């Protein structure tokens, strides 16, 4: 399930889709690529790749300080600490699915930590959410039963979109990284669907050649994502959907979810 028999770190290229169901229907679709990084071997992975700079400016780059507690420290230790606080044992590999920085700029609306037990089974998924106001928050849910698809749910506690209320819930449906990866986040009010966002990507080896090919297809990936968010905001405003007031961030940096 966790892809532990193949090289852990990988490149996933695929498609993001968004579908808003109310109060106005709205859809969008665009292509992106994401990195799956084995946090046990992060230094060696970054060391062998000439096109993925570590902690500095580059065509593509990765900075630990973009994730976790933003200190730039050990991200595996950070993830394990979050799980330990929740009473979840994950003494095996931790893999981070995220987008790289492009030409020094990066923005990850959602990054995922796949946290495994020592036997290789998935123990929990930590969802790291970032908004366009410079804030971040995480959702954590255990994976008690193994299967091809992981389904989890959590109450919404963090302000992301100025067009969505806070009294909502998230439903996560994840096909963990293997030959492909699939991440679907459903937003609902009670039993009424509000929005669905998803990413599906096909795996390829994390090499300089494949990184270059991915960059050629998406030379301004990070800029495209943030520009797309703001362009969609303009379109939603034009449809007559009003802004919601931004509340203070949650008192605790992690909200606990549960299996669905």
C-alpha atoms as a PDB file:
ATOM      1  CA  UNK A   1       0.000   0.000   0.000  1.00  0.00           C
ATOM      2  CA  UNK A   2       2.726   2.481   0.934  1.00  0.00           C
ATOM      3  CA  UNK A   3       4.950   1.589  -2.042  1.00  0.00           C
ATOM      4  CA  UNK A   4       7.734   0.468   0.300  1.00  0.00           C
ATOM      5  CA  UNK A   5       9.249  -2.025  -2.162  1.00  0.00           C
ATOM      6  CA  UNK A   6      10.068   0.656  -4.781  1.00  0.00           C
ATOM      7  CA  UNK A   7      12.276   3.707  -4.405  1.00  0.00           C
ATOM      8  CA  UNK A   8      10.300   5.939  -2.099  1.00  0.00           C
ATOM      9  CA  UNK A   9      10.912   9.392  -3.540  1.00  0.00           C
ATOM     10  CA  UNK A  10       9.180  10.081  -6.852  1.00  0.00           C
ATOM     11  CA  UNK A  11       7.658  12.621  -9.206  1.00  0.00           C
ATOM     12  CA  UNK A  12       3.902  12.689  -9.842  1.00  0.00           C
ATOM     13  CA  UNK A  13       2.464  14.534 -12.838  1.00  0.00           C
ATOM     14  CA  UNK A  14      -1.256  14.929 -13.225  1.00  0.00           C
ATOM     15  CA  UNK A  15      -4.380  17.021 -12.985  1.00  0.00           C
ATOM     16  CA  UNK A  16      -6.081  19.163 -10.340  1.00  0.00           C
ATOM     17  CA  UNK A  17      -9.849  19.606 -10.573  1.00  0.00           C
ATOM     18  CA  UNK A  18     -12.215  21.764  -8.526  1.00  0.00           C
ATOM     19  CA  UNK A  19     -15.999  21.575  -8.576  1.00  0.00           C
ATOM     20  CA  UNK A  20     -18.120  24.009  -6.554  1.00  0.00           C
ATOM     21  CA  UNK A  21     -21.752  22.962  -6.109  1.00  0.00           C
ATOM     22  CA  UNK A  22     -23.271  26.021  -4.459  1.00  0.00           C
ATOM     23  CA  UNK A  23     -24.432  28.682  -4.168  1.00  0.00           C
ATOM     24  CA  UNK A  24     -23.160  28.960  -7.773  1.00  0.00           C
ATOM     25  CA  UNK A  25     -21.859  25.984  -9.731  1.00  0.00           C
ATOM     26  CA  UNK A  26     -18.294  26.386 -10.897  1.00  0.00           C
ATOM     27  CA  UNK A  27     -15.540  24.075 -12.244  1.00  0.00           C
ATOM     28  CA  UNK A  28     -11.867  24.359 -13.129  1.00  0.00           C
ATOM     29  CA  UNK A  29      -9.103  21.991 -14.193  1.00  0.00           C
ATOM     30  CA  UNK A  30      -5.350  22.423 -14.616  1.00  0.00           C
ATOM     31  CA  UNK A  31      -2.194  20.306 -14.749  1.00  0.00           C
ATOM     32  CA  UNK A  32       0.552  20.292 -12.105  1.00  0.00           C
ATOM     33  CA  UNK A  33       3.345  18.084 -10.794  1.00  0.00           C
ATOM     34  CA  UNK A  34       4.220  17.155  -7.225  1.00  0.00           C
ATOM     35  CA  UNK A  35       7.197  15.601  -5.458  1.00  0.00           C
ATOM     36  CA  UNK A  36       7.037  12.659  -3.083  1.00  0.00           C
ATOM     37  CA  UNK A  37      10.036  12.977  -0.765  1.00  0.00           C
ATOM     38  CA  UNK A  38      11.216  10.225   1.558  1.00  0.00           C
ATOM     39  CA  UNK A  39      12.130  12.201   4.667  1.00  0.00           C
ATOM     40  CA  UNK A  40      14.488   9.432   5.819  1.00  0.00           C
ATOM     41  CA  UNK A  41      16.607   9.972   2.718  1.00  0.00           C
ATOM     42  CA  UNK A  42      15.923  13.650   2.087  1.00  0.00           C
ATOM     43  CA  UNK A  43      19.536  14.827   2.217  1.00  0.00           C
ATOM     44  CA  UNK A  44      20.738  12.097  -0.144  1.00  0.00           C
ATOM     45  CA  UNK A  45      17.850  12.682  -2.572  1.00  0.00           C
ATOM     46  CA  UNK A  46      18.508  16.426  -2.678  1.00  0.00           C
ATOM     47  CA  UNK A  47      22.238  15.796  -2.891  1.00  0.00           C
ATOM     48  CA  UNK A  48      22.014  13.701  -6.055  1.00  0.00           C
ATOM     49  CA  UNK A  49      19.660  16.050  -7.932  1.00  0.00           C
ATOM     50  CA  UNK A  50      21.261  18.998  -9.711  1.00  0.00           C
ATOM     51  CA  UNK A  51      17.916  20.576 -10.707  1.00  0.00           C
ATOM     52  CA  UNK A  52      16.302  20.468  -7.259  1.00  0.00           C
ATOM     53  CA  UNK A  53      18.160  22.945  -5.068  1.00  0.00           C
ATOM     54  CA  UNK A  54      18.093  22.469  -1.304  1.00  0.00           C
ATOM     55  CA  UNK A  55      17.235  25.539   0.769  1.00  0.00           C
ATOM     56  CA  UNK A  56      18.379  28.038  -1.852  1.00  0.00           C
ATOM     57  CA  UNK A  57      17.325  29.654  -5.100  1.00  0.00           C
ATOM     58  CA  UNK A  58      17.111  27.385  -8.124  1.00  0.00           C
ATOM     59  CA  UNK A  59      15.104  26.487 -11.186  1.00  0.00           C
ATOM     60  CA  UNK A  60      13.331  24.125  -8.804  1.00  0.00           C
ATOM     61  CA  UNK A  61      13.998  23.980  -5.082  1.00  0.00           C
ATOM     62  CA  UNK A  62      12.828  22.504  -1.806  1.00  0.00           C
ATOM     63  CA  UNK A  63      12.941  24.296   1.546  1.00  0.00           C
ATOM     64  CA  UNK A  64      12.130  22.479   4.765  1.00  0.00           C
ATOM     65  CA  UNK A  65      11.122  25.845   6.261  1.00  0.00           C
ATOM     66  CA  UNK A  66       8.112  25.930   3.919  1.00  0.00           C
ATOM     67  CA  UNK A  67       6.631  23.041   5.911  1.00  0.00           C
ATOM     68  CA  UNK A  68       6.053  21.791   9.424  1.00  0.00           C
ATOM     69  CA  UNK A  69       6.694  24.360  12.145  1.00  0.00           C
ATOM     70  CA  UNK A  70       8.503  26.598   9.595  1.00  0.00           C
ATOM     71  CA  UNK A  71      11.798  26.431  11.482  1.00  0.00           C
ATOM     72  CA  UNK A  72      13.588  24.457   8.770  1.00  0.00           C
ATOM     73  CA  UNK A  73      14.186  21.576  11.173  1.00  0.00           C
ATOM     74  CA  UNK A  74      13.813  17.823  10.715  1.00  0.00           C
ATOM     75  CA  UNK A  75      10.396  17.329   9.089  1.00  0.00           C
ATOM     76  CA  UNK A  76      10.198  13.646  10.010  1.00  0.00           C
ATOM     77  CA  UNK A  77      10.766  14.499  13.661  1.00  0.00           C
ATOM     78  CA  UNK A  78       8.113  17.199  13.360  1.00  0.00           C
ATOM     79  CA  UNK A  79       5.534  14.809  11.875  1.00  0.00           C
ATOM     80  CA  UNK A  80       6.300  12.120  14.440  1.00  0.00           C
ATOM     81  CA  UNK A  81       5.923  14.658  17.224  1.00  0.00           C
ATOM     82  CA  UNK A  82       2.491  15.706  15.950  1.00  0.00           C
ATOM     83  CA  UNK A  83       1.411  12.071  15.789  1.00  0.00           C
ATOM     84  CA  UNK A  84       2.828  11.304  19.232  1.00  0.00           C
ATOM     85  CA  UNK A  85       0.821  14.182  20.718  1.00  0.00           C
ATOM     86  CA  UNK A  86      -2.270  12.519  19.258  1.00  0.00           C
ATOM     87  CA  UNK A  87      -1.311   9.090  20.593  1.00  0.00           C
ATOM     88  CA  UNK A  88      -0.541   7.633  17.161  1.00  0.00           C
ATOM     89  CA  UNK A  89       2.516   5.412  16.747  1.00  0.00           C
ATOM     90  CA  UNK A  90       4.309   5.827  13.413  1.00  0.00           C
ATOM     91  CA  UNK A  91       7.824   4.462  13.813  1.00  0.00           C
ATOM     92  CA  UNK A  92       8.435   3.827  10.113  1.00  0.00           C
ATOM     93  CA  UNK A  93       8.992   5.930   6.995  1.00  0.00           C
ATOM     94  CA  UNK A  94       7.432   9.358   6.510  1.00  0.00           C
ATOM     95  CA  UNK A  95       6.912  10.650   2.970  1.00  0.00           C
ATOM     96  CA  UNK A  96       5.948  14.219   2.071  1.00  0.00           C
ATOM     97  CA  UNK A  97       3.851  14.982  -1.030  1.00  0.00           C
ATOM     98  CA  UNK A  98       4.238  18.630  -2.061  1.00  0.00           C
ATOM     99  CA  UNK A  99       5.052  20.998  -4.901  1.00  0.00           C
ATOM    100  CA  UNK A 100       8.551  22.458  -5.234  1.00  0.00           C
ATOM    101  CA  UNK A 101       9.452  26.104  -5.394  1.00  0.00           C
ATOM    102  CA  UNK A 102       9.876  27.408  -8.939  1.00  0.00           C
ATOM    103  CA  UNK A 103      12.469  30.155  -9.519  1.00  0.00           C
ATOM    104  CA  UNK A 104      12.498  30.776  -5.780  1.00  0.00           C
ATOM    105  CA  UNK A 105       8.723  31.037  -5.320  1.00  0.00           C
ATOM    106  CA  UNK A 106       6.519  28.374  -3.790  1.00  0.00           C
ATOM    107  CA  UNK A 107       2.959  27.978  -2.596  1.00  0.00           C
ATOM    108  CA  UNK A 108       1.440  24.684  -1.439  1.00  0.00           C
ATOM    109  CA  UNK A 109      -2.302  24.887  -0.749  1.00  0.00           C
ATOM    110  CA  UNK A 110      -2.122  21.305   0.531  1.00  0.00           C
ATOM    111  CA  UNK A 111       0.831  19.078   1.421  1.00  0.00           C
ATOM    112  CA  UNK A 112       0.460  15.544   2.775  1.00  0.00           C
ATOM    113  CA  UNK A 113       2.657  13.515   5.116  1.00  0.00           C
ATOM    114  CA  UNK A 114       2.174   9.762   4.721  1.00  0.00           C
ATOM    115  CA  UNK A 115       3.293   8.348   8.075  1.00  0.00           C
ATOM    116  CA  UNK A 116       3.993   4.609   8.290  1.00  0.00           C
ATOM    117  CA  UNK A 117       4.583   2.070  11.010  1.00  0.00           C
ATOM    118  CA  UNK A 118       7.797   0.048  11.114  1.00  0.00           C
ATOM    119  CA  UNK A 119       6.090  -2.815   9.250  1.00  0.00           C
ATOM    120  CA  UNK A 120       5.413  -0.482   6.321  1.00  0.00           C
ATOM    121  CA  UNK A 121       1.686  -0.092   6.881  1.00  0.00           C
ATOM    122  CA  UNK A 122       0.228   3.380   6.773  1.00  0.00           C
ATOM    123  CA  UNK A 123      -0.506   4.671  10.288  1.00  0.00           C
ATOM    124  CA  UNK A 124      -1.805   8.195   9.656  1.00  0.00           C
ATOM    125  CA  UNK A 125      -1.992  11.049   7.182  1.00  0.00           C
ATOM    126  CA  UNK A 126      -1.123  14.601   8.190  1.00  0.00           C
ATOM    127  CA  UNK A 127      -2.686  17.252   5.945  1.00  0.00           C
ATOM    128  CA  UNK A 128      -0.866  20.588   5.920  1.00  0.00           C
ATOM    129  CA  UNK A 129      -3.061  23.432   4.624  1.00  0.00           C
ATOM    130  CA  UNK A 130      -1.866  26.907   3.707  1.00  0.00           C
ATOM    131  CA  UNK A 131      -3.986  29.935   2.849  1.00  0.00           C
ATOM    132  CA  UNK A 132      -3.102  33.025   0.841  1.00  0.00           C
ATOM    133  CA  UNK A 133      -2.875  35.141   4.024  1.00  0.00           C
ATOM    134  CA  UNK A 134       0.417  33.565   5.100  1.00  0.00           C
ATOM    135  CA  UNK A 135      -1.199  31.208   7.622  1.00  0.00           C
ATOM    136  CA  UNK A 136      -1.114  27.423   7.891  1.00  0.00           C
ATOM    137  CA  UNK A 137      -2.930  24.695   9.789  1.00  0.00           C
ATOM    138  CA  UNK A 138      -2.901  20.903   9.796  1.00  0.00           C
ATOM    139  CA  UNK A 139      -5.438  18.109  10.019  1.00  0.00           C
ATOM    140  CA  UNK A 140      -4.463  14.664  11.286  1.00  0.00           C
ATOM    141  CA  UNK A 141      -6.316  11.349  11.099  1.00  0.00           C
ATOM    142  CA  UNK A 142      -5.272   7.778  11.845  1.00  0.00           C
ATOM    143  CA  UNK A 143      -5.494   4.921   9.348  1.00  0.00           C
ATOM    144  CA  UNK A 144      -6.605   1.933  11.438  1.00  0.00           C
ATOM    145  CA  UNK A 145      -7.535  -0.372   8.545  1.00  0.00           C
ATOM    146  CA  UNK A 146      -5.415  -0.970   5.451  1.00  0.00           C
ATOM    147  CA  UNK A 147      -6.936  -0.801   2.004  1.00  0.00           C
ATOM    148  CA  UNK A 148      -6.472   0.655  -1.454  1.00  0.00           C
ATOM    149  CA  UNK A 149      -8.369   3.811  -0.494  1.00  0.00           C
ATOM    150  CA  UNK A 150      -8.171   5.753   2.780  1.00  0.00           C
ATOM    151  CA  UNK A 151     -11.275   7.681   3.846  1.00  0.00           C
ATOM    152  CA  UNK A 152     -11.099  10.208   6.683  1.00  0.00           C
ATOM    153  CA  UNK A 153     -13.059  13.191   7.905  1.00  0.00           C
ATOM    154  CA  UNK A 154     -12.408  16.302  10.002  1.00  0.00           C
ATOM    155  CA  UNK A 155     -14.283  19.460  10.991  1.00  0.00           C
ATOM    156  CA  UNK A 156     -13.165  22.627   9.248  1.00  0.00           C
ATOM    157  CA  UNK A 157     -11.225  24.809  11.707  1.00  0.00           C
ATOM    158  CA  UNK A 158      -9.070  26.955   9.425  1.00  0.00           C
ATOM    159  CA  UNK A 159     -10.014  29.855   7.139  1.00  0.00           C
ATOM    160  CA  UNK A 160      -8.894  29.147   3.591  1.00  0.00           C
ATOM    161  CA  UNK A 161     -11.320  30.600   1.058  1.00  0.00           C
ATOM    162  CA  UNK A 162     -13.020  33.962   1.692  1.00  0.00           C
ATOM    163  CA  UNK A 163     -16.053  32.555  -0.119  1.00  0.00           C
ATOM    164  CA  UNK A 164     -16.676  29.602   2.201  1.00  0.00           C
ATOM    165  CA  UNK A 165     -18.214  29.465   5.660  1.00  0.00           C
ATOM    166  CA  UNK A 166     -16.486  27.926   8.676  1.00  0.00           C
ATOM    167  CA  UNK A 167     -19.305  25.578   9.761  1.00  0.00           C
ATOM    168  CA  UNK A 168     -18.250  22.894   7.283  1.00  0.00           C
ATOM    169  CA  UNK A 169     -16.569  19.484   7.295  1.00  0.00           C
ATOM    170  CA  UNK A 170     -13.844  17.906   5.168  1.00  0.00           C
ATOM    171  CA  UNK A 171     -13.996  14.399   3.732  1.00  0.00           C
ATOM    172  CA  UNK A 172     -10.635  13.045   2.560  1.00  0.00           C
ATOM    173  CA  UNK A 173     -10.388  10.168   0.080  1.00  0.00           C
ATOM    174  CA  UNK A 174      -6.805   9.137  -0.613  1.00  0.00           C
ATOM    175  CA  UNK A 175      -5.187   6.493  -2.782  1.00  0.00           C
ATOM    176  CA  UNK A 176      -1.665   6.527  -1.277  1.00  0.00           C
ATOM    177  CA  UNK A 177       1.382   6.878  -3.537  1.00  0.00           C
ATOM    178  CA  UNK A 178       2.174   3.889  -5.719  1.00  0.00           C
ATOM    179  CA  UNK A 179       2.198   3.817  -9.505  1.00  0.00           C
ATOM    180  CA  UNK A 180      -0.306   6.670  -9.140  1.00  0.00           C
ATOM    181  CA  UNK A 181      -1.586   8.862  -6.338  1.00  0.00           C
ATOM    182  CA  UNK A 182      -5.039  10.329  -5.825  1.00  0.00           C
ATOM    183  CA  UNK A 183      -6.086  12.986  -3.303  1.00  0.00           C
ATOM    184  CA  UNK A 184      -9.717  14.109  -3.096  1.00  0.00           C
ATOM    185  CA  UNK A 185     -11.023  16.612  -0.551  1.00  0.00           C
ATOM    186  CA  UNK A 186     -14.765  17.023  -0.294  1.00  0.00           C
ATOM    187  CA  UNK A 187     -16.257  19.972   1.573  1.00  0.00           C
ATOM    188  CA  UNK A 188     -19.788  19.675   2.922  1.00  0.00           C
ATOM    189  CA  UNK A 189     -22.321  21.330   5.163  1.00  0.00           C
ATOM    190  CA  UNK A 190     -24.044  18.483   6.959  1.00  0.00           C
ATOM    191  CA  UNK A 191     -24.905  16.076   4.139  1.00  0.00           C
ATOM    192  CA  UNK A 192     -24.893  18.780   1.466  1.00  0.00           C
ATOM    193  CA  UNK A 193     -21.789  18.888  -0.774  1.00  0.00           C
ATOM    194  CA  UNK A 194     -20.270  22.328  -1.240  1.00  0.00           C
ATOM    195  CA  UNK A 195     -17.012  21.716  -3.100  1.00  0.00           C
ATOM    196  CA  UNK A 196     -14.727  18.898  -4.235  1.00  0.00           C
ATOM    197  CA  UNK A 197     -11.025  19.359  -5.015  1.00  0.00           C
ATOM    198  CA  UNK A 198      -8.798  16.556  -6.267  1.00  0.00           C
ATOM    199  CA  UNK A 199      -5.365  15.721  -7.616  1.00  0.00           C
ATOM    200  CA  UNK A 200      -4.492  12.619  -9.599  1.00  0.00           C
ATOM    201  CA  UNK A 201      -0.911  11.989 -10.653  1.00  0.00           C
ATOM    202  CA  UNK A 202       1.106   9.307 -12.450  1.00  0.00           C
ATOM    203  CA  UNK A 203       4.421   8.249 -10.966  1.00  0.00           C
ATOM    204  CA  UNK A 204       7.821   8.619 -12.594  1.00  0.00           C
ATOM    205  CA  UNK A 205      11.332   8.397 -11.190  1.00  0.00           C
ATOM    206  CA  UNK A 206      12.655  11.472  -9.414  1.00  0.00           C
ATOM    207  CA  UNK A 207      15.568  12.277 -11.721  1.00  0.00           C
ATOM    208  CA  UNK A 208      17.018  15.459 -13.187  1.00  0.00           C
ATOM    209  CA  UNK A 209      15.767  14.417 -16.636  1.00  0.00           C
ATOM    210  CA  UNK A 210      12.197  13.980 -15.432  1.00  0.00           C
ATOM    211  CA  UNK A 211      12.337  17.185 -13.393  1.00  0.00           C
ATOM    212  CA  UNK A 212      13.460  19.105 -16.465  1.00  0.00           C
ATOM    213  CA  UNK A 213      10.648  17.603 -18.540  1.00  0.00           C
ATOM    214  CA  UNK A 214       8.122  18.499 -15.842  1.00  0.00           C
ATOM    215  CA  UNK A 215       9.460  22.057 -15.610  1.00  0.00           C
ATOM    216  CA  UNK A 216       9.285  22.485 -19.394  1.00  0.00           C
ATOM    217  CA  UNK A 217       5.612  21.473 -19.257  1.00  0.00           C
ATOM    218  CA  UNK A 218       4.951  23.729 -16.245  1.00  0.00           C
ATOM    219  CA  UNK A 219       7.679  26.412 -16.229  1.00  0.00           C
ATOM    220  CA  UNK A 220       5.751  28.721 -13.880  1.00  0.00           C
ATOM    221  CA  UNK A 221       4.003  26.093 -11.759  1.00  0.00           C
ATOM    222  CA  UNK A 222       3.938  27.962  -8.421  1.00  0.00           C
ATOM    223  CA  UNK A 223       3.003  31.236 -10.088  1.00  0.00           C
ATOM    224  CA  UNK A 224       0.248  29.493 -12.052  1.00  0.00           C
ATOM    225  CA  UNK A 225      -1.253  28.039  -8.885  1.00  0.00           C
ATOM    226  CA  UNK A 226      -1.366  31.327  -6.961  1.00  0.00           C
ATOM    227  CA  UNK A 227      -2.513  33.283 -10.033  1.00  0.00           C
ATOM    228  CA  UNK A 228      -5.231  30.693 -10.623  1.00  0.00           C
ATOM    229  CA  UNK A 229      -6.475  31.065  -7.055  1.00  0.00           C
ATOM    230  CA  UNK A 230      -6.817  34.817  -7.414  1.00  0.00           C
ATOM    231  CA  UNK A 231      -8.348  34.615 -10.887  1.00  0.00           C
ATOM    232  CA  UNK A 232     -10.963  32.183  -9.603  1.00  0.00           C
ATOM    233  CA  UNK A 233     -11.673  34.610  -6.750  1.00  0.00           C
ATOM    234  CA  UNK A 234     -12.399  37.324  -9.297  1.00  0.00           C
ATOM    235  CA  UNK A 235     -14.717  35.016 -11.223  1.00  0.00           C
ATOM    236  CA  UNK A 236     -16.545  33.958  -8.061  1.00  0.00           C
ATOM    237  CA  UNK A 237     -16.995  37.583  -7.010  1.00  0.00           C
ATOM    238  CA  UNK A 238     -18.408  38.311 -10.448  1.00  0.00           C
ATOM    239  CA  UNK A 239     -21.009  35.600  -9.849  1.00  0.00           C
ATOM    240  CA  UNK A 240     -22.300  37.505  -6.843  1.00  0.00           C
ATOM    241  CA  UNK A 241     -20.838  35.360  -4.042  1.00  0.00           C
ATOM    242  CA  UNK A 242     -19.963  37.549  -1.063  1.00  0.00           C
ATOM    243  CA  UNK A 243     -16.848  37.475   1.102  1.00  0.00           C
ATOM    244  CA  UNK A 244     -16.786  35.822   4.527  1.00  0.00           C
ATOM    245  CA  UNK A 245     -15.051  37.505   7.445  1.00  0.00           C
ATOM    246  CA  UNK A 246     -11.686  35.998   8.336  1.00  0.00           C
ATOM    247  CA  UNK A 247     -11.695  34.712  11.939  1.00  0.00           C
ATOM    248  CA  UNK A 248      -8.580  34.387  14.127  1.00  0.00           C
ATOM    249  CA  UNK A 249      -6.494  31.269  13.397  1.00  0.00           C
ATOM    250  CA  UNK A 250      -7.171  28.176  15.517  1.00  0.00           C
ATOM    251  CA  UNK A 251      -5.583  28.145  18.963  1.00  0.00           C
ATOM    252  CA  UNK A 252      -4.027  24.734  18.280  1.00  0.00           C
ATOM    253  CA  UNK A 253      -1.980  24.149  15.115  1.00  0.00           C
ATOM    254  CA  UNK A 254      -3.466  20.692  14.467  1.00  0.00           C
ATOM    255  CA  UNK A 255      -7.092  19.570  14.241  1.00  0.00           C
ATOM    256  CA  UNK A 256      -7.794  15.889  14.807  1.00  0.00           C
ATOM    257  CA  UNK A 257      -9.940  13.989  12.355  1.00  0.00           C
ATOM    258  CA  UNK A 258     -11.001  10.360  12.255  1.00  0.00           C
ATOM    259  CA  UNK A 259     -11.547   7.484   9.840  1.00  0.00           C
ATOM    260  CA  UNK A 260     -14.731   7.916   7.819  1.00  0.00           C
END
